[in-house]
């Protein structure tokens, strides 16, 4: 092959590689979407109204939680170089109380079905 033919061949192969890269990206995207659908297939389904109510319950729980309670924080004080006291560390330790409040608010929205009441499960499962 002559130099000109080789240059044309390289250009042609580069175009082929670029077009296949796009196809690979599309297939990769489709694969991820299918994998997500598979992962979601066994999850219980909520209607839009139920999801909105769940979202609203969680939002209200967090908004109504009293973050001003001093005993739900672990704090460390230090003295800076000007002999001033400063808060050097603060850690929220009220996560169990917040979790409990959210759980109670969500449980008040929905009834919990027995496993045998689940239409998607067979009695042998």
PDB file of N, CA and C in Angstrom:
ATOM      1  N   UNK A   1       0.835  -1.184   0.000  1.00  0.00           N
ATOM      2  CA  UNK A   1       0.000   0.000   0.000  1.00  0.00           C
ATOM      3  C   UNK A   1       0.877   1.243   0.000  1.00  0.00           C
ATOM      4  N   UNK A   2       0.379   2.206  -0.677  1.00  0.00           N
ATOM      5  CA  UNK A   2       1.112   3.452  -0.721  1.00  0.00           C
ATOM      6  C   UNK A   2       0.688   4.316   0.451  1.00  0.00           C
ATOM      7  N   UNK A   3       1.441   5.346   0.680  1.00  0.00           N
ATOM      8  CA  UNK A   3       1.211   6.234   1.812  1.00  0.00           C
ATOM      9  C   UNK A   3      -0.192   6.845   1.762  1.00  0.00           C
ATOM     10  N   UNK A   4      -0.653   7.299   0.610  1.00  0.00           N
ATOM     11  CA  UNK A   4      -1.983   7.902   0.480  1.00  0.00           C
ATOM     12  C   UNK A   4      -3.081   6.897   0.807  1.00  0.00           C
ATOM     13  N   UNK A   5      -2.896   5.668   0.337  1.00  0.00           N
ATOM     14  CA  UNK A   5      -3.886   4.627   0.639  1.00  0.00           C
ATOM     15  C   UNK A   5      -3.928   4.341   2.140  1.00  0.00           C
ATOM     16  N   UNK A   6      -2.785   4.304   2.774  1.00  0.00           N
ATOM     17  CA  UNK A   6      -2.723   4.061   4.217  1.00  0.00           C
ATOM     18  C   UNK A   6      -3.398   5.192   4.997  1.00  0.00           C
ATOM     19  N   UNK A   7      -3.199   6.412   4.572  1.00  0.00           N
ATOM     20  CA  UNK A   7      -3.834   7.555   5.238  1.00  0.00           C
ATOM     21  C   UNK A   7      -5.343   7.454   5.121  1.00  0.00           C
ATOM     22  N   UNK A   8      -5.827   7.095   3.908  1.00  0.00           N
ATOM     23  CA  UNK A   8      -7.270   6.931   3.715  1.00  0.00           C
ATOM     24  C   UNK A   8      -7.811   5.784   4.570  1.00  0.00           C
ATOM     25  N   UNK A   9      -7.061   4.696   4.636  1.00  0.00           N
ATOM     26  CA  UNK A   9      -7.476   3.537   5.438  1.00  0.00           C
ATOM     27  C   UNK A   9      -7.552   3.899   6.927  1.00  0.00           C
ATOM     28  N   UNK A  10      -6.573   4.639   7.402  1.00  0.00           N
ATOM     29  CA  UNK A  10      -6.569   5.086   8.801  1.00  0.00           C
ATOM     30  C   UNK A  10      -7.770   5.989   9.071  1.00  0.00           C
ATOM     31  N   UNK A  11      -8.043   6.919   8.180  1.00  0.00           N
ATOM     32  CA  UNK A  11      -9.183   7.823   8.349  1.00  0.00           C
ATOM     33  C   UNK A  11     -10.490   7.036   8.375  1.00  0.00           C
ATOM     34  N   UNK A  12     -10.611   6.051   7.490  1.00  0.00           N
ATOM     35  CA  UNK A  12     -11.812   5.223   7.435  1.00  0.00           C
ATOM     36  C   UNK A  12     -11.977   4.429   8.734  1.00  0.00           C
ATOM     37  N   UNK A  13     -10.904   3.867   9.237  1.00  0.00           N
ATOM     38  CA  UNK A  13     -10.963   3.102  10.487  1.00  0.00           C
ATOM     39  C   UNK A  13     -11.279   4.004  11.684  1.00  0.00           C
ATOM     40  N   UNK A  14     -10.736   5.224  11.681  1.00  0.00           N
ATOM     41  CA  UNK A  14     -11.044   6.162  12.760  1.00  0.00           C
ATOM     42  C   UNK A  14     -12.533   6.510  12.774  1.00  0.00           C
ATOM     43  N   UNK A  15     -13.110   6.721  11.605  1.00  0.00           N
ATOM     44  CA  UNK A  15     -14.547   6.991  11.515  1.00  0.00           C
ATOM     45  C   UNK A  15     -15.364   5.804  12.031  1.00  0.00           C
ATOM     46  N   UNK A  16     -14.934   4.593  11.667  1.00  0.00           N
ATOM     47  CA  UNK A  16     -15.636   3.395  12.131  1.00  0.00           C
ATOM     48  C   UNK A  16     -15.565   3.284  13.649  1.00  0.00           C
ATOM     49  N   UNK A  17     -14.406   3.542  14.217  1.00  0.00           N
ATOM     50  CA  UNK A  17     -14.243   3.483  15.674  1.00  0.00           C
ATOM     51  C   UNK A  17     -15.130   4.522  16.350  1.00  0.00           C
ATOM     52  N   UNK A  18     -15.149   5.740  15.821  1.00  0.00           N
ATOM     53  CA  UNK A  18     -15.969   6.800  16.412  1.00  0.00           C
ATOM     54  C   UNK A  18     -17.449   6.460  16.352  1.00  0.00           C
ATOM     55  N   UNK A  19     -17.906   5.895  15.243  1.00  0.00           N
ATOM     56  CA  UNK A  19     -19.324   5.549  15.133  1.00  0.00           C
ATOM     57  C   UNK A  19     -19.674   4.413  16.093  1.00  0.00           C
ATOM     58  N   UNK A  20     -18.763   3.482  16.277  1.00  0.00           N
ATOM     59  CA  UNK A  20     -19.014   2.383  17.212  1.00  0.00           C
ATOM     60  C   UNK A  20     -18.955   2.857  18.663  1.00  0.00           C
ATOM     61  N   UNK A  21     -18.159   3.870  18.943  1.00  0.00           N
ATOM     62  CA  UNK A  21     -18.107   4.419  20.296  1.00  0.00           C
ATOM     63  C   UNK A  21     -19.473   4.976  20.686  1.00  0.00           C
ATOM     64  N   UNK A  22     -20.139   5.655  19.771  1.00  0.00           N
ATOM     65  CA  UNK A  22     -21.481   6.175  20.032  1.00  0.00           C
ATOM     66  C   UNK A  22     -22.451   5.039  20.285  1.00  0.00           C
ATOM     67  N   UNK A  23     -22.342   3.977  19.479  1.00  0.00           N
ATOM     68  CA  UNK A  23     -23.211   2.821  19.667  1.00  0.00           C
ATOM     69  C   UNK A  23     -22.965   2.173  21.033  1.00  0.00           C
ATOM     70  N   UNK A  24     -21.712   2.083  21.425  1.00  0.00           N
ATOM     71  CA  UNK A  24     -21.369   1.502  22.723  1.00  0.00           C
ATOM     72  C   UNK A  24     -21.933   2.364  23.849  1.00  0.00           C
ATOM     73  N   UNK A  25     -21.852   3.676  23.728  1.00  0.00           N
ATOM     74  CA  UNK A  25     -22.418   4.569  24.737  1.00  0.00           C
ATOM     75  C   UNK A  25     -23.925   4.373  24.839  1.00  0.00           C
ATOM     76  N   UNK A  26     -24.597   4.284  23.682  1.00  0.00           N
ATOM     77  CA  UNK A  26     -26.048   4.070  23.680  1.00  0.00           C
ATOM     78  C   UNK A  26     -26.406   2.728  24.307  1.00  0.00           C
ATOM     79  N   UNK A  27     -25.668   1.691  23.940  1.00  0.00           N
ATOM     80  CA  UNK A  27     -25.931   0.365  24.504  1.00  0.00           C
ATOM     81  C   UNK A  27     -25.649   0.338  26.000  1.00  0.00           C
ATOM     82  N   UNK A  28     -24.612   1.018  26.416  1.00  0.00           N
ATOM     83  CA  UNK A  28     -24.286   1.086  27.844  1.00  0.00           C
ATOM     84  C   UNK A  28     -25.398   1.780  28.619  1.00  0.00           C
ATOM     85  N   UNK A  29     -25.923   2.856  28.047  1.00  0.00           N
ATOM     86  CA  UNK A  29     -27.040   3.575  28.674  1.00  0.00           C
ATOM     87  C   UNK A  29     -28.266   2.671  28.761  1.00  0.00           C
ATOM     88  N   UNK A  30     -28.571   1.959  27.675  1.00  0.00           N
ATOM     89  CA  UNK A  30     -29.709   1.039  27.655  1.00  0.00           C
ATOM     90  C   UNK A  30     -29.528  -0.088  28.672  1.00  0.00           C
ATOM     91  N   UNK A  31     -28.301  -0.580  28.802  1.00  0.00           N
ATOM     92  CA  UNK A  31     -28.003  -1.638  29.764  1.00  0.00           C
ATOM     93  C   UNK A  31     -28.244  -1.155  31.191  1.00  0.00           C
ATOM     94  N   UNK A  32     -27.776   0.043  31.520  1.00  0.00           N
ATOM     95  CA  UNK A  32     -27.984   0.594  32.863  1.00  0.00           C
ATOM     96  C   UNK A  32     -29.463   0.794  33.149  1.00  0.00           C
ATOM     97  N   UNK A  33     -30.219   1.252  32.164  1.00  0.00           N
ATOM     98  CA  UNK A  33     -31.660   1.447  32.346  1.00  0.00           C
ATOM     99  C   UNK A  33     -32.356   0.109  32.591  1.00  0.00           C
ATOM    100  N   UNK A  34     -31.972  -0.916  31.840  1.00  0.00           N
ATOM    101  CA  UNK A  34     -32.571  -2.240  32.017  1.00  0.00           C
ATOM    102  C   UNK A  34     -32.208  -2.826  33.379  1.00  0.00           C
ATOM    103  N   UNK A  35     -30.963  -2.630  33.804  1.00  0.00           N
ATOM    104  CA  UNK A  35     -30.542  -3.116  35.127  1.00  0.00           C
ATOM    105  C   UNK A  35     -31.323  -2.421  36.239  1.00  0.00           C
ATOM    106  N   UNK A  36     -31.583  -1.115  36.077  1.00  0.00           N
ATOM    107  CA  UNK A  36     -32.355  -0.382  37.076  1.00  0.00           C
ATOM    108  C   UNK A  36     -33.797  -0.878  37.109  1.00  0.00           C
ATOM    109  N   UNK A  37     -34.368  -1.142  35.926  1.00  0.00           N
ATOM    110  CA  UNK A  37     -35.739  -1.677  35.866  1.00  0.00           C
ATOM    111  C   UNK A  37     -35.814  -3.042  36.552  1.00  0.00           C
ATOM    112  N   UNK A  38     -34.799  -3.868  36.354  1.00  0.00           N
ATOM    113  CA  UNK A  38     -34.762  -5.174  37.000  1.00  0.00           C
ATOM    114  C   UNK A  38     -34.678  -5.014  38.516  1.00  0.00           C
ATOM    115  N   UNK A  39     -33.819  -4.110  38.966  1.00  0.00           N
ATOM    116  CA  UNK A  39     -33.688  -3.871  40.404  1.00  0.00           C
ATOM    117  C   UNK A  39     -34.992  -3.344  40.992  1.00  0.00           C
ATOM    118  N   UNK A  40     -35.716  -2.537  40.223  1.00  0.00           N
ATOM    119  CA  UNK A  40     -36.971  -1.957  40.700  1.00  0.00           C
ATOM    120  C   UNK A  40     -38.155  -2.907  40.586  1.00  0.00           C
ATOM    121  N   UNK A  41     -38.007  -3.986  39.840  1.00  0.00           N
ATOM    122  CA  UNK A  41     -39.153  -4.855  39.562  1.00  0.00           C
ATOM    123  C   UNK A  41     -39.731  -5.510  40.810  1.00  0.00           C
ATOM    124  N   UNK A  42     -38.918  -5.786  41.809  1.00  0.00           N
ATOM    125  CA  UNK A  42     -39.410  -6.429  43.034  1.00  0.00           C
ATOM    126  C   UNK A  42     -39.797  -5.435  44.116  1.00  0.00           C
ATOM    127  N   UNK A  43     -39.596  -4.159  43.858  1.00  0.00           N
ATOM    128  CA  UNK A  43     -39.943  -3.154  44.864  1.00  0.00           C
ATOM    129  C   UNK A  43     -41.449  -2.930  44.870  1.00  0.00           C
ATOM    130  N   UNK A  44     -42.021  -2.675  46.054  1.00  0.00           N
ATOM    131  CA  UNK A  44     -43.450  -2.330  46.075  1.00  0.00           C
ATOM    132  C   UNK A  44     -43.675  -1.024  45.316  1.00  0.00           C
ATOM    133  N   UNK A  45     -44.809  -0.918  44.683  1.00  0.00           N
ATOM    134  CA  UNK A  45     -45.108   0.259  43.875  1.00  0.00           C
ATOM    135  C   UNK A  45     -46.017   1.212  44.652  1.00  0.00           C
ATOM    136  N   UNK A  46     -45.752   2.495  44.532  1.00  0.00           N
ATOM    137  CA  UNK A  46     -46.566   3.538  45.132  1.00  0.00           C
ATOM    138  C   UNK A  46     -47.214   4.352  44.024  1.00  0.00           C
ATOM    139  N   UNK A  47     -48.417   4.801  44.287  1.00  0.00           N
ATOM    140  CA  UNK A  47     -49.045   5.727  43.352  1.00  0.00           C
ATOM    141  C   UNK A  47     -48.410   7.092  43.561  1.00  0.00           C
ATOM    142  N   UNK A  48     -48.633   8.002  42.634  1.00  0.00           N
ATOM    143  CA  UNK A  48     -48.109   9.365  42.790  1.00  0.00           C
ATOM    144  C   UNK A  48     -48.657   9.997  44.062  1.00  0.00           C
ATOM    145  N   UNK A  49     -49.937   9.777  44.345  1.00  0.00           N
ATOM    146  CA  UNK A  49     -50.557  10.347  45.550  1.00  0.00           C
ATOM    147  C   UNK A  49     -49.890   9.787  46.803  1.00  0.00           C
ATOM    148  N   UNK A  50     -49.657   8.478  46.844  1.00  0.00           N
ATOM    149  CA  UNK A  50     -49.003   7.864  48.001  1.00  0.00           C
ATOM    150  C   UNK A  50     -47.583   8.400  48.166  1.00  0.00           C
ATOM    151  N   UNK A  51     -46.865   8.519  47.047  1.00  0.00           N
ATOM    152  CA  UNK A  51     -45.501   9.028  47.121  1.00  0.00           C
ATOM    153  C   UNK A  51     -45.486  10.470  47.620  1.00  0.00           C
ATOM    154  N   UNK A  52     -46.430  11.284  47.149  1.00  0.00           N
ATOM    155  CA  UNK A  52     -46.522  12.667  47.614  1.00  0.00           C
ATOM    156  C   UNK A  52     -46.827  12.720  49.107  1.00  0.00           C
ATOM    157  N   UNK A  53     -47.723  11.860  49.579  1.00  0.00           N
ATOM    158  CA  UNK A  53     -48.040  11.819  51.006  1.00  0.00           C
ATOM    159  C   UNK A  53     -46.831  11.381  51.824  1.00  0.00           C
ATOM    160  N   UNK A  54     -46.096  10.408  51.330  1.00  0.00           N
ATOM    161  CA  UNK A  54     -44.887   9.947  52.007  1.00  0.00           C
ATOM    162  C   UNK A  54     -43.859  11.072  52.077  1.00  0.00           C
ATOM    163  N   UNK A  55     -43.655  11.744  50.968  1.00  0.00           N
ATOM    164  CA  UNK A  55     -42.716  12.862  50.906  1.00  0.00           C
ATOM    165  C   UNK A  55     -43.129  13.960  51.893  1.00  0.00           C
ATOM    166  N   UNK A  56     -44.408  14.274  51.903  1.00  0.00           N
ATOM    167  CA  UNK A  56     -44.928  15.314  52.788  1.00  0.00           C
ATOM    168  C   UNK A  56     -44.756  14.920  54.267  1.00  0.00           C
ATOM    169  N   UNK A  57     -44.977  13.645  54.587  1.00  0.00           N
ATOM    170  CA  UNK A  57     -44.826  13.173  55.970  1.00  0.00           C
ATOM    171  C   UNK A  57     -43.379  13.289  56.432  1.00  0.00           C
ATOM    172  N   UNK A  58     -42.449  12.912  55.580  1.00  0.00           N
ATOM    173  CA  UNK A  58     -41.027  13.006  55.933  1.00  0.00           C
ATOM    174  C   UNK A  58     -40.616  14.466  56.080  1.00  0.00           C
ATOM    175  N   UNK A  59     -41.043  15.296  55.149  1.00  0.00           N
ATOM    176  CA  UNK A  59     -40.721  16.722  55.199  1.00  0.00           C
ATOM    177  C   UNK A  59     -41.274  17.357  56.476  1.00  0.00           C
ATOM    178  N   UNK A  60     -42.524  17.043  56.815  1.00  0.00           N
ATOM    179  CA  UNK A  60     -43.124  17.595  58.037  1.00  0.00           C
ATOM    180  C   UNK A  60     -42.416  17.089  59.282  1.00  0.00           C
ATOM    181  N   UNK A  61     -42.006  15.839  59.285  1.00  0.00           N
ATOM    182  CA  UNK A  61     -41.280  15.288  60.429  1.00  0.00           C
ATOM    183  C   UNK A  61     -39.989  16.050  60.679  1.00  0.00           C
ATOM    184  N   UNK A  62     -39.248  16.288  59.618  1.00  0.00           N
ATOM    185  CA  UNK A  62     -37.971  17.000  59.765  1.00  0.00           C
ATOM    186  C   UNK A  62     -38.218  18.450  60.159  1.00  0.00           C
ATOM    187  N   UNK A  63     -39.219  19.082  59.529  1.00  0.00           N
ATOM    188  CA  UNK A  63     -39.514  20.481  59.852  1.00  0.00           C
ATOM    189  C   UNK A  63     -39.987  20.641  61.291  1.00  0.00           C
ATOM    190  N   UNK A  64     -40.728  19.667  61.817  1.00  0.00           N
ATOM    191  CA  UNK A  64     -41.279  19.766  63.162  1.00  0.00           C
ATOM    192  C   UNK A  64     -40.352  19.217  64.236  1.00  0.00           C
ATOM    193  N   UNK A  65     -39.228  18.656  63.840  1.00  0.00           N
ATOM    194  CA  UNK A  65     -38.275  18.146  64.820  1.00  0.00           C
ATOM    195  C   UNK A  65     -37.602  19.329  65.515  1.00  0.00           C
ATOM    196  N   UNK A  66     -37.456  19.235  66.823  1.00  0.00           N
ATOM    197  CA  UNK A  66     -36.861  20.328  67.595  1.00  0.00           C
ATOM    198  C   UNK A  66     -35.335  20.182  67.596  1.00  0.00           C
ATOM    199  N   UNK A  67     -34.693  20.849  66.670  1.00  0.00           N
ATOM    200  CA  UNK A  67     -33.239  20.802  66.577  1.00  0.00           C
ATOM    201  C   UNK A  67     -32.571  21.714  67.613  1.00  0.00           C
ATOM    202  N   UNK A  68     -33.363  22.449  68.394  1.00  0.00           N
ATOM    203  CA  UNK A  68     -32.814  23.365  69.388  1.00  0.00           C
ATOM    204  C   UNK A  68     -32.535  22.709  70.733  1.00  0.00           C
ATOM    205  N   UNK A  69     -32.791  21.432  70.856  1.00  0.00           N
ATOM    206  CA  UNK A  69     -32.513  20.732  72.109  1.00  0.00           C
ATOM    207  C   UNK A  69     -30.991  20.600  72.272  1.00  0.00           C
ATOM    208  N   UNK A  70     -30.479  21.111  73.351  1.00  0.00           N
ATOM    209  CA  UNK A  70     -29.030  21.100  73.563  1.00  0.00           C
ATOM    210  C   UNK A  70     -28.484  19.694  73.784  1.00  0.00           C
ATOM    211  N   UNK A  71     -29.306  18.805  74.339  1.00  0.00           N
ATOM    212  CA  UNK A  71     -28.802  17.476  74.680  1.00  0.00           C
ATOM    213  C   UNK A  71     -28.697  16.537  73.478  1.00  0.00           C
ATOM    214  N   UNK A  72     -29.073  16.961  72.285  1.00  0.00           N
ATOM    215  CA  UNK A  72     -28.930  16.103  71.107  1.00  0.00           C
ATOM    216  C   UNK A  72     -27.656  16.413  70.325  1.00  0.00           C
ATOM    217  N   UNK A  73     -26.824  17.235  70.894  1.00  0.00           N
ATOM    218  CA  UNK A  73     -25.560  17.587  70.249  1.00  0.00           C
ATOM    219  C   UNK A  73     -24.392  17.272  71.179  1.00  0.00           C
ATOM    220  N   UNK A  74     -23.310  16.801  70.613  1.00  0.00           N
ATOM    221  CA  UNK A  74     -22.059  16.617  71.334  1.00  0.00           C
ATOM    222  C   UNK A  74     -21.151  17.759  70.869  1.00  0.00           C
ATOM    223  N   UNK A  75     -20.748  18.589  71.808  1.00  0.00           N
ATOM    224  CA  UNK A  75     -19.940  19.755  71.440  1.00  0.00           C
ATOM    225  C   UNK A  75     -18.602  19.734  72.166  1.00  0.00           C
ATOM    226  N   UNK A  76     -17.637  20.340  71.551  1.00  0.00           N
ATOM    227  CA  UNK A  76     -16.330  20.531  72.169  1.00  0.00           C
ATOM    228  C   UNK A  76     -15.964  22.001  72.044  1.00  0.00           C
ATOM    229  N   UNK A  77     -15.551  22.564  73.145  1.00  0.00           N
ATOM    230  CA  UNK A  77     -15.125  23.967  73.172  1.00  0.00           C
ATOM    231  C   UNK A  77     -13.613  24.025  73.278  1.00  0.00           C
ATOM    232  N   UNK A  78     -13.054  25.101  72.797  1.00  0.00           N
ATOM    233  CA  UNK A  78     -11.609  25.315  72.926  1.00  0.00           C
ATOM    234  C   UNK A  78     -11.359  26.801  73.131  1.00  0.00           C
ATOM    235  N   UNK A  79     -10.143  27.119  73.489  1.00  0.00           N
ATOM    236  CA  UNK A  79      -9.741  28.514  73.673  1.00  0.00           C
ATOM    237  C   UNK A  79      -8.792  28.869  72.548  1.00  0.00           C
ATOM    238  N   UNK A  80      -9.119  29.953  71.831  1.00  0.00           N
ATOM    239  CA  UNK A  80      -8.272  30.349  70.712  1.00  0.00           C
ATOM    240  C   UNK A  80      -7.074  31.156  71.210  1.00  0.00           C
ATOM    241  N   UNK A  81      -6.268  31.626  70.306  1.00  0.00           N
ATOM    242  CA  UNK A  81      -5.033  32.326  70.667  1.00  0.00           C
ATOM    243  C   UNK A  81      -5.292  33.681  71.326  1.00  0.00           C
ATOM    244  N   UNK A  82      -6.510  34.231  71.206  1.00  0.00           N
ATOM    245  CA  UNK A  82      -6.867  35.487  71.874  1.00  0.00           C
ATOM    246  C   UNK A  82      -7.598  35.239  73.181  1.00  0.00           C
ATOM    247  N   UNK A  83      -7.512  34.013  73.689  1.00  0.00           N
ATOM    248  CA  UNK A  83      -8.173  33.596  74.926  1.00  0.00           C
ATOM    249  C   UNK A  83      -9.690  33.715  74.842  1.00  0.00           C
ATOM    250  N   UNK A  84     -10.224  33.526  73.673  1.00  0.00           N
ATOM    251  CA  UNK A  84     -11.675  33.501  73.496  1.00  0.00           C
ATOM    252  C   UNK A  84     -12.118  32.043  73.394  1.00  0.00           C
ATOM    253  N   UNK A  85     -13.269  31.763  73.955  1.00  0.00           N
ATOM    254  CA  UNK A  85     -13.823  30.417  73.869  1.00  0.00           C
ATOM    255  C   UNK A  85     -14.527  30.287  72.526  1.00  0.00           C
ATOM    256  N   UNK A  86     -14.255  29.171  71.860  1.00  0.00           N
ATOM    257  CA  UNK A  86     -14.881  28.922  70.569  1.00  0.00           C
ATOM    258  C   UNK A  86     -15.386  27.494  70.515  1.00  0.00           C
ATOM    259  N   UNK A  87     -16.397  27.296  69.692  1.00  0.00           N
ATOM    260  CA  UNK A  87     -16.935  25.966  69.466  1.00  0.00           C
ATOM    261  C   UNK A  87     -16.062  25.307  68.391  1.00  0.00           C
ATOM    262  N   UNK A  88     -15.341  24.272  68.794  1.00  0.00           N
ATOM    263  CA  UNK A  88     -14.410  23.666  67.851  1.00  0.00           C
ATOM    264  C   UNK A  88     -14.978  22.412  67.187  1.00  0.00           C
ATOM    265  N   UNK A  89     -16.045  21.857  67.762  1.00  0.00           N
ATOM    266  CA  UNK A  89     -16.615  20.640  67.194  1.00  0.00           C
ATOM    267  C   UNK A  89     -18.072  20.534  67.636  1.00  0.00           C
ATOM    268  N   UNK A  90     -18.929  20.150  66.717  1.00  0.00           N
ATOM    269  CA  UNK A  90     -20.326  19.891  67.049  1.00  0.00           C
ATOM    270  C   UNK A  90     -20.774  18.674  66.248  1.00  0.00           C
ATOM    271  N   UNK A  91     -21.461  17.767  66.934  1.00  0.00           N
ATOM    272  CA  UNK A  91     -21.934  16.550  66.296  1.00  0.00           C
ATOM    273  C   UNK A  91     -23.386  16.311  66.701  1.00  0.00           C
ATOM    274  N   UNK A  92     -24.239  16.067  65.717  1.00  0.00           N
ATOM    275  CA  UNK A  92     -25.656  15.813  65.959  1.00  0.00           C
ATOM    276  C   UNK A  92     -25.820  14.379  66.441  1.00  0.00           C
ATOM    277  N   UNK A  93     -26.396  14.209  67.612  1.00  0.00           N
ATOM    278  CA  UNK A  93     -26.593  12.873  68.163  1.00  0.00           C
ATOM    279  C   UNK A  93     -28.065  12.531  68.339  1.00  0.00           C
ATOM    280  N   UNK A  94     -28.943  13.340  67.764  1.00  0.00           N
ATOM    281  CA  UNK A  94     -30.369  13.098  67.893  1.00  0.00           C
ATOM    282  C   UNK A  94     -30.953  12.311  66.745  1.00  0.00           C
ATOM    283  N   UNK A  95     -30.105  11.616  65.999  1.00  0.00           N
ATOM    284  CA  UNK A  95     -30.592  10.897  64.828  1.00  0.00           C
ATOM    285  C   UNK A  95     -31.612   9.820  65.184  1.00  0.00           C
ATOM    286  N   UNK A  96     -31.474   9.173  66.331  1.00  0.00           N
ATOM    287  CA  UNK A  96     -32.437   8.139  66.724  1.00  0.00           C
ATOM    288  C   UNK A  96     -33.813   8.758  66.976  1.00  0.00           C
ATOM    289  N   UNK A  97     -33.844   9.927  67.616  1.00  0.00           N
ATOM    290  CA  UNK A  97     -35.118  10.609  67.864  1.00  0.00           C
ATOM    291  C   UNK A  97     -35.750  11.079  66.552  1.00  0.00           C
ATOM    292  N   UNK A  98     -34.935  11.608  65.657  1.00  0.00           N
ATOM    293  CA  UNK A  98     -35.436  12.049  64.360  1.00  0.00           C
ATOM    294  C   UNK A  98     -35.964  10.853  63.562  1.00  0.00           C
ATOM    295  N   UNK A  99     -35.214   9.770  63.573  1.00  0.00           N
ATOM    296  CA  UNK A  99     -35.640   8.546  62.893  1.00  0.00           C
ATOM    297  C   UNK A  99     -36.980   8.070  63.451  1.00  0.00           C
ATOM    298  N   UNK A 100     -37.111   8.069  64.768  1.00  0.00           N
ATOM    299  CA  UNK A 100     -38.347   7.614  65.411  1.00  0.00           C
ATOM    300  C   UNK A 100     -39.524   8.497  65.001  1.00  0.00           C
ATOM    301  N   UNK A 101     -39.317   9.804  64.970  1.00  0.00           N
ATOM    302  CA  UNK A 101     -40.388  10.718  64.585  1.00  0.00           C
ATOM    303  C   UNK A 101     -40.799  10.487  63.130  1.00  0.00           C
ATOM    304  N   UNK A 102     -39.834  10.340  62.241  1.00  0.00           N
ATOM    305  CA  UNK A 102     -40.142  10.091  60.832  1.00  0.00           C
ATOM    306  C   UNK A 102     -40.882   8.765  60.681  1.00  0.00           C
ATOM    307  N   UNK A 103     -40.409   7.740  61.361  1.00  0.00           N
ATOM    308  CA  UNK A 103     -41.045   6.425  61.280  1.00  0.00           C
ATOM    309  C   UNK A 103     -42.491   6.482  61.755  1.00  0.00           C
ATOM    310  N   UNK A 104     -42.736   7.138  62.857  1.00  0.00           N
ATOM    311  CA  UNK A 104     -44.102   7.252  63.371  1.00  0.00           C
ATOM    312  C   UNK A 104     -45.001   8.005  62.396  1.00  0.00           C
ATOM    313  N   UNK A 105     -44.493   9.089  61.839  1.00  0.00           N
ATOM    314  CA  UNK A 105     -45.303   9.864  60.896  1.00  0.00           C
ATOM    315  C   UNK A 105     -45.604   9.080  59.619  1.00  0.00           C
ATOM    316  N   UNK A 106     -44.650   8.314  59.141  1.00  0.00           N
ATOM    317  CA  UNK A 106     -44.871   7.507  57.940  1.00  0.00           C
ATOM    318  C   UNK A 106     -45.817   6.355  58.256  1.00  0.00           C
ATOM    319  N   UNK A 107     -45.638   5.721  59.411  1.00  0.00           N
ATOM    320  CA  UNK A 107     -46.520   4.614  59.784  1.00  0.00           C
ATOM    321  C   UNK A 107     -47.962   5.074  59.932  1.00  0.00           C
ATOM    322  N   UNK A 108     -48.175   6.334  60.319  1.00  0.00           N
ATOM    323  CA  UNK A 108     -49.541   6.835  60.463  1.00  0.00           C
ATOM    324  C   UNK A 108     -50.238   6.992  59.108  1.00  0.00           C
ATOM    325  N   UNK A 109     -49.458   7.050  58.036  1.00  0.00           N
ATOM    326  CA  UNK A 109     -50.031   7.173  56.689  1.00  0.00           C
ATOM    327  C   UNK A 109     -50.521   5.854  56.119  1.00  0.00           C
ATOM    328  N   UNK A 110     -49.803   4.785  56.398  1.00  0.00           N
ATOM    329  CA  UNK A 110     -50.042   3.516  55.734  1.00  0.00           C
ATOM    330  C   UNK A 110     -50.312   2.413  56.740  1.00  0.00           C
ATOM    331  N   UNK A 111     -51.103   1.449  56.309  1.00  0.00           N
ATOM    332  CA  UNK A 111     -51.268   0.229  57.079  1.00  0.00           C
ATOM    333  C   UNK A 111     -50.211  -0.752  56.617  1.00  0.00           C
ATOM    334  N   UNK A 112     -49.801  -1.632  57.497  1.00  0.00           N
ATOM    335  CA  UNK A 112     -48.798  -2.621  57.142  1.00  0.00           C
ATOM    336  C   UNK A 112     -49.515  -3.934  56.851  1.00  0.00           C
ATOM    337  N   UNK A 113     -49.315  -4.470  55.666  1.00  0.00           N
ATOM    338  CA  UNK A 113     -49.975  -5.706  55.250  1.00  0.00           C
ATOM    339  C   UNK A 113     -49.168  -6.904  55.708  1.00  0.00           C
ATOM    340  N   UNK A 114     -49.876  -7.973  56.037  1.00  0.00           N
ATOM    341  CA  UNK A 114     -49.201  -9.235  56.324  1.00  0.00           C
ATOM    342  C   UNK A 114     -48.609  -9.758  55.022  1.00  0.00           C
ATOM    343  N   UNK A 115     -47.584 -10.569  55.116  1.00  0.00           N
ATOM    344  CA  UNK A 115     -46.968 -11.124  53.911  1.00  0.00           C
ATOM    345  C   UNK A 115     -47.985 -11.907  53.104  1.00  0.00           C
ATOM    346  N   UNK A 116     -48.919 -12.580  53.757  1.00  0.00           N
ATOM    347  CA  UNK A 116     -49.909 -13.371  53.034  1.00  0.00           C
ATOM    348  C   UNK A 116     -50.900 -12.485  52.284  1.00  0.00           C
ATOM    349  N   UNK A 117     -51.018 -11.196  52.670  1.00  0.00           N
ATOM    350  CA  UNK A 117     -51.921 -10.274  51.993  1.00  0.00           C
ATOM    351  C   UNK A 117     -51.319  -9.676  50.734  1.00  0.00           C
ATOM    352  N   UNK A 118     -50.029  -9.866  50.532  1.00  0.00           N
ATOM    353  CA  UNK A 118     -49.337  -9.264  49.397  1.00  0.00           C
ATOM    354  C   UNK A 118     -49.707 -10.001  48.124  1.00  0.00           C
ATOM    355  N   UNK A 119     -50.325  -9.292  47.183  1.00  0.00           N
ATOM    356  CA  UNK A 119     -50.764  -9.911  45.931  1.00  0.00           C
ATOM    357  C   UNK A 119     -49.612 -10.404  45.081  1.00  0.00           C
ATOM    358  N   UNK A 120     -48.426  -9.812  45.275  1.00  0.00           N
ATOM    359  CA  UNK A 120     -47.284 -10.168  44.429  1.00  0.00           C
ATOM    360  C   UNK A 120     -46.550 -11.403  44.922  1.00  0.00           C
ATOM    361  N   UNK A 121     -46.858 -11.854  46.119  1.00  0.00           N
ATOM    362  CA  UNK A 121     -46.158 -13.009  46.697  1.00  0.00           C
ATOM    363  C   UNK A 121     -47.060 -14.227  46.630  1.00  0.00           C
ATOM    364  N   UNK A 122     -46.489 -15.359  46.354  1.00  0.00           N
ATOM    365  CA  UNK A 122     -47.276 -16.585  46.392  1.00  0.00           C
ATOM    366  C   UNK A 122     -47.227 -17.152  47.805  1.00  0.00           C
ATOM    367  N   UNK A 123     -48.204 -17.946  48.230  1.00  0.00           N
ATOM    368  CA  UNK A 123     -48.234 -18.474  49.592  1.00  0.00           C
ATOM    369  C   UNK A 123     -47.022 -19.321  49.929  1.00  0.00           C
ATOM    370  N   UNK A 124     -46.346 -19.892  48.932  1.00  0.00           N
ATOM    371  CA  UNK A 124     -45.193 -20.746  49.215  1.00  0.00           C
ATOM    372  C   UNK A 124     -43.923 -19.961  49.478  1.00  0.00           C
ATOM    373  N   UNK A 125     -43.938 -18.646  49.210  1.00  0.00           N
ATOM    374  CA  UNK A 125     -42.726 -17.839  49.382  1.00  0.00           C
ATOM    375  C   UNK A 125     -42.593 -17.369  50.797  1.00  0.00           C
TER     376      UNK A 125
END
